[in-house]
Amino acid sequence: METSQLTATFAALAQDTRLEVFRLLVRHEPQGLAAGEIARQLAVPHNTMSAHLAVLTRAQLAVSRRQGRSIIYRANLDHMEKTLQFLVRDCCAGHPEVCEPLMNTLAGCAPSEENRQR
């Protein structure tokens, strides 16, 4: 990942509403949410929400698809994974035990083996 893309990612998340939108989309993976529903849940006017969603999409944090008359947004977890990998790539200067608490925190998000087989 290039530094400029990482900067765009953090710039997009450096605003309260966009950060909440991204977190909401993560909670609704993999089905996503319609733009209107995102606006309703966060009590943000539709036109303002459209601008926020455009910023998140340009930063590759969200992806969209049309479903009938609605646009469904999803979190781009692949991009978030690459962002996190970039941040911890040089973690701990060759001492992985120092990063173990961080890795354990992230591992808590992974699906269990049972859920992966479903």
Protein backbone atom coordinates (compact mmCIF):
# COMPACT_ATOMS: atom_id res chain seq x y z
CA MET A 1 0.00 0.00 0.00
CA GLU A 2 1.29 3.42 -0.90
CA THR A 3 1.63 6.12 1.71
CA SER A 4 -0.72 8.43 -0.22
CA GLN A 5 -3.49 5.79 -0.10
CA LEU A 6 -2.92 5.29 3.62
CA THR A 7 -3.14 9.04 4.15
CA ALA A 8 -6.45 9.15 2.23
CA THR A 9 -7.76 6.29 4.36
CA PHE A 10 -6.98 8.06 7.60
CA ALA A 11 -8.23 11.39 6.30
CA ALA A 12 -11.57 9.77 5.47
CA LEU A 13 -11.82 8.27 8.95
CA ALA A 14 -10.71 11.49 10.67
CA GLN A 15 -14.27 12.81 10.76
CA ASP A 16 -16.80 11.66 13.35
CA THR A 17 -19.69 10.80 11.03
CA ARG A 18 -17.54 8.94 8.50
CA LEU A 19 -15.89 6.94 11.28
CA GLU A 20 -19.34 5.99 12.60
CA VAL A 21 -20.50 5.06 9.09
CA PHE A 22 -17.52 2.79 8.60
CA ARG A 23 -18.06 1.12 11.98
CA LEU A 24 -21.75 0.66 11.16
CA LEU A 25 -20.88 -0.94 7.83
CA VAL A 26 -18.41 -3.29 9.52
CA ARG A 27 -21.16 -4.41 11.91
CA HIS A 28 -23.42 -5.17 8.94
CA GLU A 29 -21.01 -7.29 6.97
CA PRO A 30 -21.48 -9.07 4.64
CA GLN A 31 -24.99 -7.91 3.67
CA GLY A 32 -24.30 -4.16 3.86
CA LEU A 33 -26.82 -1.37 4.28
CA ALA A 34 -28.78 0.90 1.97
CA ALA A 35 -27.63 4.52 1.96
CA GLY A 36 -30.99 5.68 3.30
CA GLU A 37 -30.82 3.22 6.17
CA ILE A 38 -27.32 4.41 7.08
CA ALA A 39 -28.59 7.99 7.13
CA ARG A 40 -31.60 6.99 9.23
CA GLN A 41 -29.59 5.00 11.79
CA LEU A 42 -27.08 7.80 12.26
CA ALA A 43 -29.67 10.61 12.05
CA VAL A 44 -27.83 12.38 9.24
CA PRO A 45 -29.60 14.14 6.33
CA HIS A 46 -29.53 12.08 3.13
CA ASN A 47 -27.56 14.63 1.08
CA THR A 48 -24.94 14.95 3.83
CA MET A 49 -24.70 11.16 4.09
CA SER A 50 -24.19 10.91 0.32
CA ALA A 51 -21.17 13.20 0.62
CA HIS A 52 -19.74 11.12 3.48
CA LEU A 53 -20.28 7.87 1.58
CA ALA A 54 -18.54 9.36 -1.47
CA VAL A 55 -15.48 10.20 0.64
CA LEU A 56 -15.38 6.68 2.11
CA THR A 57 -15.75 5.15 -1.35
CA ARG A 58 -12.95 7.29 -2.84
CA ALA A 59 -10.73 6.24 0.07
CA GLN A 60 -11.60 2.60 -0.74
CA LEU A 61 -13.10 2.04 2.70
CA ALA A 62 -16.56 1.34 1.27
CA VAL A 63 -17.90 -0.28 -1.86
CA SER A 64 -21.37 0.06 -3.31
CA ARG A 65 -23.74 -1.81 -5.58
CA ARG A 66 -27.16 -0.96 -6.91
CA GLN A 67 -30.03 -3.13 -5.75
CA GLY A 68 -33.25 -2.01 -7.35
CA ARG A 69 -33.73 1.63 -6.42
CA SER A 70 -31.29 1.45 -3.50
CA ILE A 71 -27.53 1.68 -3.32
CA ILE A 72 -26.13 -0.84 -0.86
CA TYR A 73 -22.85 0.02 0.85
CA ARG A 74 -20.43 -2.44 2.41
CA ALA A 75 -17.20 -1.98 4.31
CA ASN A 76 -14.16 -2.84 2.21
CA LEU A 77 -12.55 -5.17 4.73
CA ASP A 78 -9.80 -6.11 2.29
CA HIS A 79 -8.65 -2.49 2.24
CA MET A 80 -8.83 -2.27 6.02
CA GLU A 81 -6.77 -5.45 6.30
CA LYS A 82 -4.10 -3.98 4.02
CA THR A 83 -4.13 -0.77 6.07
CA LEU A 84 -3.58 -2.68 9.30
CA GLN A 85 -0.85 -4.80 7.70
CA PHE A 86 0.92 -1.63 6.58
CA LEU A 87 0.75 -0.21 10.09
CA VAL A 88 2.19 -3.28 11.80
CA ARG A 89 4.55 -4.47 9.07
CA ASP A 90 7.64 -3.46 11.03
CA CYS A 91 6.09 -4.16 14.40
CA CYS A 92 8.38 -4.80 17.31
CA ALA A 93 11.69 -4.67 15.43
CA GLY A 94 11.98 -8.44 15.17
CA HIS A 95 10.58 -9.17 18.63
CA PRO A 96 7.14 -10.66 17.90
CA GLU A 97 6.40 -11.26 21.58
CA VAL A 98 6.08 -7.49 22.00
CA CYS A 99 3.26 -7.43 19.43
CA GLU A 100 1.46 -10.46 20.84
CA PRO A 101 -1.23 -8.42 22.68
CA LEU A 102 -2.05 -6.58 19.44
CA MET A 103 -2.23 -9.80 17.43
CA ASN A 104 -4.45 -11.40 20.09
CA THR A 105 -6.81 -8.43 19.91
CA LEU A 106 -7.09 -8.74 16.13
CA ALA A 107 -7.43 -12.52 16.32
CA GLY A 108 -10.52 -12.02 18.48
CA CYS A 109 -12.30 -10.70 15.39
CA ALA A 110 -11.61 -13.77 13.29
CA PRO A 111 -14.41 -16.28 12.75
CA SER A 112 -14.13 -19.50 14.68
CA GLU A 113 -13.15 -22.63 12.82
CA GLU A 114 -16.74 -23.86 13.18
CA ASN A 115 -18.17 -20.70 11.56
CA ARG A 116 -15.66 -20.86 8.69
CA GLN A 117 -16.83 -24.36 7.76
CA ARG A 118 -20.47 -23.25 7.44
